[in-house]
Amino acid sequence: MKSDKEIIAEALGGSEKAYATLVSMYRQRIYRFIRRRVNDDAQAEEITQDVLLDAYRGLAGFKGDSQLYTWLCTIASRKCLKQPFNSLKTDVEMVDVVTPESLLSVKQKIEGLTAVCDRLPNKQRRALLLKEYDGLSYLEISAILGCTPKYAKKLVWKAKKTIRKEMND
């Protein structure tokens, strides 16, 4: 099996088959990356198409300093940021017994969390989503955000600290 670099070289040489190979290798992973951020399958599919199109147009600009997947995630992350925050997916704690009071409590928690996240600085919110929703390492987050791994860790820490503080007030 050919490496990403070999396939990229062929795609840059004009091989549509090589680009189709890249798409088949990464399409599902990118879709899942995006789907974890948005609440709608159709929206996730549309963003995935946009990412793959942007990647095709910008493939010559891929320097190979990072993994191709990391580069694609960077494009996807930027596309997702352009979506309204209320369309971003949020996790909800499961409750044993559903009552009107428990539903109201969960709804209030979601609204509070959304409001706090809306107020987070952009880089903190992005770093937090990459870490918590996608499970990326600080090294991968730093490549996507264009910072050091230490700074990526600090961004996540600050975001969590802000959320804890504001949710407990």
N, C-alpha and C. Protein backbone atom coordinates (compact mmCIF):
# COMPACT_ATOMS: atom_id res chain seq x y z
N MET A 1 0.84 -1.18 0.00
CA MET A 1 0.00 0.00 0.00
C MET A 1 0.89 1.24 0.00
N LYS A 2 0.51 2.21 -0.77
CA LYS A 2 1.28 3.45 -0.89
C LYS A 2 1.08 4.34 0.33
N SER A 3 2.10 5.14 0.62
CA SER A 3 2.00 6.09 1.73
C SER A 3 1.19 7.30 1.28
N ASP A 4 0.76 8.09 2.28
CA ASP A 4 0.04 9.33 1.98
C ASP A 4 0.87 10.23 1.06
N LYS A 5 2.16 10.33 1.36
CA LYS A 5 3.03 11.22 0.57
C LYS A 5 3.07 10.79 -0.88
N GLU A 6 3.14 9.49 -1.13
CA GLU A 6 3.17 9.00 -2.51
C GLU A 6 1.84 9.29 -3.22
N ILE A 7 0.76 9.07 -2.52
CA ILE A 7 -0.56 9.31 -3.12
C ILE A 7 -0.75 10.80 -3.38
N ILE A 8 -0.31 11.64 -2.42
CA ILE A 8 -0.41 13.09 -2.60
C ILE A 8 0.40 13.52 -3.82
N ALA A 9 1.60 12.99 -3.96
CA ALA A 9 2.44 13.34 -5.12
C ALA A 9 1.74 12.97 -6.42
N GLU A 10 1.11 11.82 -6.45
CA GLU A 10 0.37 11.41 -7.66
C GLU A 10 -0.83 12.33 -7.91
N ALA A 11 -1.53 12.69 -6.84
CA ALA A 11 -2.69 13.59 -6.98
C ALA A 11 -2.24 14.94 -7.50
N LEU A 12 -1.12 15.44 -6.98
CA LEU A 12 -0.59 16.72 -7.45
C LEU A 12 -0.13 16.64 -8.90
N GLY A 13 0.22 15.43 -9.32
CA GLY A 13 0.60 15.21 -10.71
C GLY A 13 -0.59 15.11 -11.65
N GLY A 14 -1.79 15.22 -11.09
CA GLY A 14 -3.00 15.23 -11.92
C GLY A 14 -3.80 13.94 -11.89
N SER A 15 -3.40 12.99 -11.08
CA SER A 15 -4.11 11.71 -11.02
C SER A 15 -5.40 11.86 -10.20
N GLU A 16 -6.54 11.78 -10.89
CA GLU A 16 -7.82 11.83 -10.19
C GLU A 16 -8.02 10.59 -9.34
N LYS A 17 -7.48 9.46 -9.81
CA LYS A 17 -7.58 8.21 -9.06
C LYS A 17 -6.87 8.34 -7.72
N ALA A 18 -5.72 9.00 -7.70
CA ALA A 18 -4.97 9.18 -6.46
C ALA A 18 -5.77 10.04 -5.48
N TYR A 19 -6.38 11.11 -5.98
CA TYR A 19 -7.18 11.95 -5.09
C TYR A 19 -8.40 11.17 -4.58
N ALA A 20 -9.01 10.39 -5.45
CA ALA A 20 -10.16 9.56 -5.03
C ALA A 20 -9.73 8.57 -3.94
N THR A 21 -8.51 8.09 -4.02
CA THR A 21 -7.99 7.20 -2.99
C THR A 21 -7.88 7.94 -1.66
N LEU A 22 -7.37 9.17 -1.70
CA LEU A 22 -7.27 9.97 -0.47
C LEU A 22 -8.66 10.21 0.13
N VAL A 23 -9.60 10.53 -0.72
CA VAL A 23 -10.96 10.78 -0.26
C VAL A 23 -11.52 9.52 0.40
N SER A 24 -11.33 8.37 -0.23
CA SER A 24 -11.87 7.14 0.35
C SER A 24 -11.17 6.78 1.65
N MET A 25 -9.90 7.17 1.79
CA MET A 25 -9.16 6.88 3.02
C MET A 25 -9.61 7.76 4.19
N TYR A 26 -9.98 9.00 3.92
CA TYR A 26 -10.22 9.96 4.99
C TYR A 26 -11.65 10.47 5.11
N ARG A 27 -12.50 10.22 4.16
CA ARG A 27 -13.86 10.77 4.16
C ARG A 27 -14.62 10.44 5.44
N GLN A 28 -14.67 9.18 5.82
CA GLN A 28 -15.43 8.78 7.00
C GLN A 28 -14.86 9.38 8.28
N ARG A 29 -13.54 9.40 8.40
CA ARG A 29 -12.92 9.97 9.60
C ARG A 29 -13.23 11.45 9.72
N ILE A 30 -13.15 12.17 8.61
CA ILE A 30 -13.44 13.60 8.62
C ILE A 30 -14.93 13.83 8.91
N TYR A 31 -15.78 13.01 8.31
CA TYR A 31 -17.22 13.13 8.58
C TYR A 31 -17.48 12.95 10.07
N ARG A 32 -16.90 11.92 10.69
CA ARG A 32 -17.10 11.68 12.12
C ARG A 32 -16.55 12.83 12.96
N PHE A 33 -15.40 13.37 12.56
CA PHE A 33 -14.81 14.52 13.24
C PHE A 33 -15.80 15.68 13.24
N ILE A 34 -16.41 15.94 12.09
CA ILE A 34 -17.36 17.04 11.95
C ILE A 34 -18.67 16.72 12.66
N ARG A 35 -19.15 15.48 12.51
CA ARG A 35 -20.44 15.10 13.08
C ARG A 35 -20.45 15.24 14.59
N ARG A 36 -19.28 15.04 15.22
CA ARG A 36 -19.21 15.20 16.67
C ARG A 36 -19.38 16.66 17.07
N ARG A 37 -19.32 17.56 16.11
CA ARG A 37 -19.44 18.99 16.40
C ARG A 37 -20.78 19.58 16.03
N VAL A 38 -21.49 18.97 15.11
CA VAL A 38 -22.76 19.54 14.66
C VAL A 38 -23.89 18.56 14.93
N ASN A 39 -25.09 19.08 15.02
CA ASN A 39 -26.25 18.28 15.40
C ASN A 39 -26.99 17.66 14.23
N ASP A 40 -26.52 17.83 13.04
CA ASP A 40 -27.31 17.44 11.88
C ASP A 40 -26.46 16.65 10.89
N ASP A 41 -26.97 15.47 10.49
CA ASP A 41 -26.24 14.63 9.53
C ASP A 41 -26.03 15.34 8.20
N ALA A 42 -27.07 16.01 7.72
CA ALA A 42 -26.96 16.69 6.42
C ALA A 42 -25.94 17.82 6.49
N GLN A 43 -25.94 18.55 7.58
CA GLN A 43 -24.97 19.63 7.76
C GLN A 43 -23.55 19.07 7.83
N ALA A 44 -23.38 17.96 8.54
CA ALA A 44 -22.06 17.32 8.65
C ALA A 44 -21.60 16.85 7.27
N GLU A 45 -22.51 16.31 6.49
CA GLU A 45 -22.16 15.84 5.14
C GLU A 45 -21.76 17.02 4.25
N GLU A 46 -22.49 18.10 4.34
CA GLU A 46 -22.18 19.29 3.54
C GLU A 46 -20.81 19.87 3.91
N ILE A 47 -20.54 19.94 5.20
CA ILE A 47 -19.24 20.46 5.65
C ILE A 47 -18.12 19.52 5.20
N THR A 48 -18.37 18.22 5.27
CA THR A 48 -17.38 17.23 4.81
C THR A 48 -17.05 17.46 3.35
N GLN A 49 -18.07 17.67 2.53
CA GLN A 49 -17.85 17.95 1.10
C GLN A 49 -17.01 19.21 0.91
N ASP A 50 -17.34 20.25 1.68
CA ASP A 50 -16.58 21.51 1.59
C ASP A 50 -15.12 21.30 1.97
N VAL A 51 -14.89 20.53 3.03
CA VAL A 51 -13.52 20.26 3.48
C VAL A 51 -12.74 19.53 2.40
N LEU A 52 -13.35 18.50 1.82
CA LEU A 52 -12.66 17.73 0.79
C LEU A 52 -12.40 18.57 -0.46
N LEU A 53 -13.32 19.46 -0.79
CA LEU A 53 -13.11 20.35 -1.92
C LEU A 53 -11.99 21.34 -1.64
N ASP A 54 -12.00 21.93 -0.43
CA ASP A 54 -10.92 22.85 -0.05
C ASP A 54 -9.57 22.13 -0.02
N ALA A 55 -9.57 20.88 0.44
CA ALA A 55 -8.33 20.10 0.48
C ALA A 55 -7.82 19.85 -0.93
N TYR A 56 -8.73 19.55 -1.84
CA TYR A 56 -8.34 19.32 -3.24
C TYR A 56 -7.71 20.59 -3.82
N ARG A 57 -8.36 21.71 -3.58
CA ARG A 57 -7.86 22.99 -4.10
C ARG A 57 -6.54 23.39 -3.46
N GLY A 58 -6.35 23.04 -2.18
CA GLY A 58 -5.16 23.48 -1.47
C GLY A 58 -4.11 22.41 -1.26
N LEU A 59 -4.26 21.28 -1.93
CA LEU A 59 -3.34 20.16 -1.71
C LEU A 59 -1.88 20.55 -1.98
N ALA A 60 -1.67 21.41 -2.93
CA ALA A 60 -0.29 21.85 -3.23
C ALA A 60 0.31 22.61 -2.05
N GLY A 61 -0.54 23.19 -1.21
CA GLY A 61 -0.07 23.93 -0.05
C GLY A 61 0.23 23.05 1.16
N PHE A 62 -0.12 21.76 1.08
CA PHE A 62 0.16 20.84 2.18
C PHE A 62 1.65 20.54 2.18
N LYS A 63 2.32 20.94 3.26
CA LYS A 63 3.78 20.83 3.33
C LYS A 63 4.26 19.48 3.83
N GLY A 64 3.38 18.72 4.44
CA GLY A 64 3.78 17.42 4.97
C GLY A 64 4.43 17.49 6.34
N ASP A 65 4.37 18.68 6.99
CA ASP A 65 4.94 18.82 8.33
C ASP A 65 4.11 18.07 9.36
N SER A 66 2.86 17.83 9.05
CA SER A 66 1.97 17.10 9.96
C SER A 66 1.34 15.96 9.18
N GLN A 67 0.56 15.15 9.87
CA GLN A 67 -0.19 14.09 9.21
C GLN A 67 -1.25 14.73 8.30
N LEU A 68 -1.60 14.06 7.23
CA LEU A 68 -2.65 14.57 6.35
C LEU A 68 -3.96 14.71 7.12
N TYR A 69 -4.24 13.74 7.99
CA TYR A 69 -5.47 13.81 8.78
C TYR A 69 -5.51 15.07 9.64
N THR A 70 -4.39 15.43 10.24
CA THR A 70 -4.33 16.64 11.06
C THR A 70 -4.62 17.87 10.23
N TRP A 71 -4.06 17.92 9.03
CA TRP A 71 -4.30 19.04 8.11
C TRP A 71 -5.78 19.10 7.74
N LEU A 72 -6.38 17.96 7.44
CA LEU A 72 -7.80 17.92 7.10
C LEU A 72 -8.66 18.35 8.29
N CYS A 73 -8.25 17.95 9.50
CA CYS A 73 -8.98 18.35 10.70
C CYS A 73 -8.89 19.86 10.92
N THR A 74 -7.76 20.44 10.56
CA THR A 74 -7.61 21.89 10.68
C THR A 74 -8.62 22.59 9.77
N ILE A 75 -8.74 22.12 8.55
CA ILE A 75 -9.71 22.69 7.61
C ILE A 75 -11.13 22.48 8.16
N ALA A 76 -11.41 21.27 8.64
CA ALA A 76 -12.75 20.96 9.16
C ALA A 76 -13.07 21.80 10.39
N SER A 77 -12.10 21.97 11.25
CA SER A 77 -12.31 22.76 12.46
C SER A 77 -12.68 24.20 12.11
N ARG A 78 -11.99 24.76 11.15
CA ARG A 78 -12.30 26.13 10.72
C ARG A 78 -13.68 26.22 10.09
N LYS A 79 -14.05 25.21 9.33
CA LYS A 79 -15.39 25.20 8.72
C LYS A 79 -16.46 25.11 9.81
N CYS A 80 -16.22 24.28 10.81
CA CYS A 80 -17.20 24.11 11.89
C CYS A 80 -17.35 25.40 12.69
N LEU A 81 -16.27 26.15 12.83
CA LEU A 81 -16.34 27.41 13.58
C LEU A 81 -17.28 28.40 12.93
N LYS A 82 -17.49 28.27 11.65
CA LYS A 82 -18.37 29.19 10.94
C LYS A 82 -19.84 28.85 11.16
N GLN A 83 -20.10 27.71 11.82
CA GLN A 83 -21.47 27.30 12.11
C GLN A 83 -21.93 28.01 13.38
N PRO A 84 -23.23 28.30 13.49
CA PRO A 84 -23.73 28.90 14.72
C PRO A 84 -23.47 27.97 15.90
N PHE A 85 -23.12 28.53 17.06
CA PHE A 85 -22.77 27.68 18.20
C PHE A 85 -23.93 26.81 18.64
N ASN A 86 -25.17 27.27 18.49
CA ASN A 86 -26.29 26.46 18.94
C ASN A 86 -26.50 25.21 18.09
N SER A 87 -25.78 25.12 16.95
CA SER A 87 -25.88 23.89 16.17
C SER A 87 -24.80 22.90 16.56
N LEU A 88 -23.88 23.31 17.46
CA LEU A 88 -22.85 22.39 17.91
C LEU A 88 -23.45 21.37 18.85
N LYS A 89 -22.91 20.18 18.80
CA LYS A 89 -23.42 19.08 19.61
C LYS A 89 -22.95 19.24 21.05
N THR A 90 -23.85 18.95 21.99
CA THR A 90 -23.49 18.95 23.40
C THR A 90 -23.90 17.62 24.01
N ASP A 91 -23.08 17.13 24.93
CA ASP A 91 -23.40 15.89 25.63
C ASP A 91 -24.26 16.21 26.84
N VAL A 92 -25.16 15.30 27.16
CA VAL A 92 -26.07 15.49 28.28
C VAL A 92 -25.92 14.30 29.22
N GLU A 93 -25.89 14.56 30.52
CA GLU A 93 -25.85 13.48 31.49
C GLU A 93 -27.16 12.70 31.42
N MET A 94 -27.04 11.39 31.52
CA MET A 94 -28.24 10.55 31.51
C MET A 94 -28.86 10.57 32.90
N VAL A 95 -30.18 10.57 32.95
CA VAL A 95 -30.88 10.52 34.23
C VAL A 95 -31.62 9.19 34.30
N ASP A 96 -31.75 8.63 35.52
CA ASP A 96 -32.40 7.34 35.69
C ASP A 96 -33.91 7.43 35.45
N VAL A 97 -34.51 8.45 35.99
CA VAL A 97 -35.96 8.61 35.87
C VAL A 97 -36.23 9.96 35.23
N VAL A 98 -36.99 9.93 34.16
CA VAL A 98 -37.31 11.17 33.47
C VAL A 98 -38.57 11.76 34.08
N THR A 99 -38.39 12.95 34.63
CA THR A 99 -39.52 13.68 35.22
C THR A 99 -39.48 15.08 34.62
N PRO A 100 -40.56 15.82 34.71
CA PRO A 100 -40.52 17.20 34.21
C PRO A 100 -39.40 18.01 34.87
N GLU A 101 -39.18 17.75 36.16
CA GLU A 101 -38.13 18.49 36.88
C GLU A 101 -36.74 18.13 36.36
N SER A 102 -36.51 16.82 36.09
CA SER A 102 -35.18 16.42 35.60
C SER A 102 -34.95 16.95 34.19
N LEU A 103 -36.00 16.98 33.37
CA LEU A 103 -35.85 17.53 32.02
C LEU A 103 -35.55 19.02 32.08
N LEU A 104 -36.21 19.73 32.97
CA LEU A 104 -35.97 21.16 33.14
C LEU A 104 -34.54 21.39 33.62
N SER A 105 -34.08 20.56 34.54
CA SER A 105 -32.72 20.69 35.07
C SER A 105 -31.69 20.48 33.96
N VAL A 106 -31.88 19.45 33.16
CA VAL A 106 -30.95 19.18 32.05
C VAL A 106 -30.98 20.32 31.05
N LYS A 107 -32.18 20.81 30.73
CA LYS A 107 -32.30 21.92 29.78
C LYS A 107 -31.58 23.15 30.30
N GLN A 108 -31.74 23.44 31.58
CA GLN A 108 -31.07 24.60 32.17
C GLN A 108 -29.55 24.44 32.14
N LYS A 109 -29.07 23.22 32.40
CA LYS A 109 -27.63 22.97 32.35
C LYS A 109 -27.08 23.17 30.94
N ILE A 110 -27.81 22.68 29.96
CA ILE A 110 -27.38 22.84 28.56
C ILE A 110 -27.36 24.31 28.18
N GLU A 111 -28.41 25.03 28.54
CA GLU A 111 -28.46 26.46 28.23
C GLU A 111 -27.32 27.21 28.92
N GLY A 112 -27.06 26.86 30.17
CA GLY A 112 -25.96 27.49 30.90
C GLY A 112 -24.61 27.19 30.28
N LEU A 113 -24.40 25.92 29.94
CA LEU A 113 -23.15 25.52 29.31
C LEU A 113 -22.96 26.20 27.96
N THR A 114 -24.02 26.27 27.19
CA THR A 114 -23.95 26.94 25.89
C THR A 114 -23.60 28.41 26.06
N ALA A 115 -24.22 29.05 27.01
CA ALA A 115 -23.93 30.47 27.26
C ALA A 115 -22.49 30.67 27.69
N VAL A 116 -21.99 29.82 28.58
CA VAL A 116 -20.60 29.92 29.02
C VAL A 116 -19.65 29.69 27.84
N CYS A 117 -19.93 28.66 27.05
CA CYS A 117 -19.07 28.36 25.89
C CYS A 117 -19.10 29.48 24.86
N ASP A 118 -20.23 30.12 24.70
CA ASP A 118 -20.33 31.25 23.78
C ASP A 118 -19.40 32.39 24.19
N ARG A 119 -19.18 32.51 25.50
CA ARG A 119 -18.34 33.59 26.01
C ARG A 119 -16.85 33.23 26.05
N LEU A 120 -16.52 31.97 25.88
CA LEU A 120 -15.11 31.57 25.88
C LEU A 120 -14.38 32.21 24.70
N PRO A 121 -13.13 32.58 24.90
CA PRO A 121 -12.34 33.03 23.74
C PRO A 121 -12.29 31.92 22.69
N ASN A 122 -12.25 32.30 21.44
CA ASN A 122 -12.34 31.37 20.32
C ASN A 122 -11.33 30.22 20.43
N LYS A 123 -10.06 30.53 20.70
CA LYS A 123 -9.04 29.48 20.77
C LYS A 123 -9.29 28.51 21.92
N GLN A 124 -9.78 29.03 23.04
CA GLN A 124 -10.09 28.14 24.17
C GLN A 124 -11.22 27.18 23.79
N ARG A 125 -12.25 27.71 23.16
CA ARG A 125 -13.39 26.87 22.77
C ARG A 125 -12.95 25.81 21.78
N ARG A 126 -12.15 26.21 20.78
CA ARG A 126 -11.67 25.25 19.78
C ARG A 126 -10.81 24.17 20.42
N ALA A 127 -9.88 24.57 21.30
CA ALA A 127 -9.01 23.60 21.95
C ALA A 127 -9.82 22.62 22.80
N LEU A 128 -10.81 23.14 23.52
CA LEU A 128 -11.65 22.29 24.35
C LEU A 128 -12.43 21.28 23.52
N LEU A 129 -13.01 21.72 22.41
CA LEU A 129 -13.75 20.80 21.54
C LEU A 129 -12.84 19.73 20.95
N LEU A 130 -11.66 20.13 20.52
CA LEU A 130 -10.71 19.16 19.95
C LEU A 130 -10.30 18.12 20.98
N LYS A 131 -10.11 18.55 22.21
CA LYS A 131 -9.69 17.63 23.27
C LYS A 131 -10.84 16.74 23.74
N GLU A 132 -11.96 17.35 24.08
CA GLU A 132 -13.05 16.61 24.71
C GLU A 132 -13.94 15.85 23.72
N TYR A 133 -14.25 16.44 22.59
CA TYR A 133 -15.12 15.76 21.62
C TYR A 133 -14.36 14.81 20.72
N ASP A 134 -13.16 15.22 20.34
CA ASP A 134 -12.42 14.41 19.37
C ASP A 134 -11.34 13.56 20.00
N GLY A 135 -11.03 13.85 21.25
CA GLY A 135 -10.03 13.04 21.94
C GLY A 135 -8.63 13.19 21.36
N LEU A 136 -8.36 14.35 20.76
CA LEU A 136 -7.04 14.56 20.17
C LEU A 136 -6.01 14.84 21.25
N SER A 137 -4.77 14.53 20.94
CA SER A 137 -3.68 14.82 21.88
C SER A 137 -3.36 16.31 21.80
N TYR A 138 -2.62 16.79 22.80
CA TYR A 138 -2.22 18.20 22.78
C TYR A 138 -1.31 18.50 21.59
N LEU A 139 -0.53 17.52 21.17
CA LEU A 139 0.32 17.70 20.00
C LEU A 139 -0.53 17.92 18.74
N GLU A 140 -1.58 17.10 18.59
CA GLU A 140 -2.47 17.25 17.44
C GLU A 140 -3.25 18.57 17.51
N ILE A 141 -3.69 18.92 18.70
CA ILE A 141 -4.42 20.19 18.87
C ILE A 141 -3.51 21.36 18.51
N SER A 142 -2.25 21.29 18.95
CA SER A 142 -1.32 22.38 18.67
C SER A 142 -1.09 22.52 17.17
N ALA A 143 -1.05 21.40 16.44
CA ALA A 143 -0.86 21.47 14.99
C ALA A 143 -2.07 22.13 14.32
N ILE A 144 -3.25 21.83 14.81
CA ILE A 144 -4.47 22.40 14.23
C ILE A 144 -4.60 23.89 14.56
N LEU A 145 -4.27 24.25 15.80
CA LEU A 145 -4.43 25.65 16.23
C LEU A 145 -3.21 26.52 15.92
N GLY A 146 -2.11 25.90 15.54
CA GLY A 146 -0.90 26.66 15.24
C GLY A 146 -0.23 27.22 16.48
N CYS A 147 -0.12 26.38 17.51
CA CYS A 147 0.52 26.81 18.75
C CYS A 147 1.36 25.65 19.28
N THR A 148 1.97 25.83 20.43
CA THR A 148 2.76 24.74 21.03
C THR A 148 1.82 23.81 21.79
N PRO A 149 2.25 22.56 22.00
CA PRO A 149 1.43 21.63 22.80
C PRO A 149 1.19 22.15 24.22
N LYS A 150 2.18 22.80 24.80
CA LYS A 150 2.04 23.36 26.15
C LYS A 150 0.95 24.43 26.17
N TYR A 151 0.92 25.28 25.14
CA TYR A 151 -0.10 26.32 25.06
C TYR A 151 -1.48 25.70 24.82
N ALA A 152 -1.55 24.64 24.00
CA ALA A 152 -2.82 23.95 23.76
C ALA A 152 -3.38 23.40 25.08
N LYS A 153 -2.50 22.82 25.89
CA LYS A 153 -2.92 22.29 27.18
C LYS A 153 -3.43 23.42 28.09
N LYS A 154 -2.74 24.55 28.05
CA LYS A 154 -3.15 25.70 28.85
C LYS A 154 -4.51 26.22 28.40
N LEU A 155 -4.77 26.25 27.08
CA LEU A 155 -6.06 26.70 26.56
C LEU A 155 -7.20 25.82 27.07
N VAL A 156 -6.99 24.50 27.03
CA VAL A 156 -8.02 23.56 27.51
C VAL A 156 -8.23 23.76 29.01
N TRP A 157 -7.15 23.88 29.76
CA TRP A 157 -7.24 24.08 31.20
C TRP A 157 -8.02 25.36 31.53
N LYS A 158 -7.69 26.46 30.82
CA LYS A 158 -8.39 27.73 31.08
C LYS A 158 -9.88 27.62 30.74
N ALA A 159 -10.20 26.95 29.64
CA ALA A 159 -11.60 26.79 29.24
C ALA A 159 -12.36 26.01 30.31
N LYS A 160 -11.78 24.91 30.78
CA LYS A 160 -12.44 24.10 31.80
C LYS A 160 -12.58 24.88 33.11
N LYS A 161 -11.56 25.62 33.46
CA LYS A 161 -11.60 26.42 34.69
C LYS A 161 -12.74 27.45 34.61
N THR A 162 -12.85 28.11 33.47
CA THR A 162 -13.91 29.12 33.27
C THR A 162 -15.29 28.46 33.35
N ILE A 163 -15.44 27.32 32.69
CA ILE A 163 -16.73 26.63 32.70
C ILE A 163 -17.10 26.19 34.11
N ARG A 164 -16.16 25.59 34.83
CA ARG A 164 -16.43 25.16 36.20
C ARG A 164 -16.84 26.34 37.08
N LYS A 165 -16.09 27.41 36.96
CA LYS A 165 -16.36 28.60 37.79
C LYS A 165 -17.74 29.15 37.49
N GLU A 166 -18.04 29.36 36.22
CA GLU A 166 -19.33 29.97 35.86
C GLU A 166 -20.52 29.04 36.07
N MET A 167 -20.30 27.74 35.93
CA MET A 167 -21.41 26.80 36.14
C MET A 167 -21.71 26.62 37.63
N ASN A 168 -20.72 26.88 38.49
CA ASN A 168 -20.93 26.74 39.93
C ASN A 168 -21.40 28.03 40.59
N ASP A 169 -21.37 29.13 39.88
CA ASP A 169 -21.81 30.42 40.45
C ASP A 169 -23.32 30.51 40.47
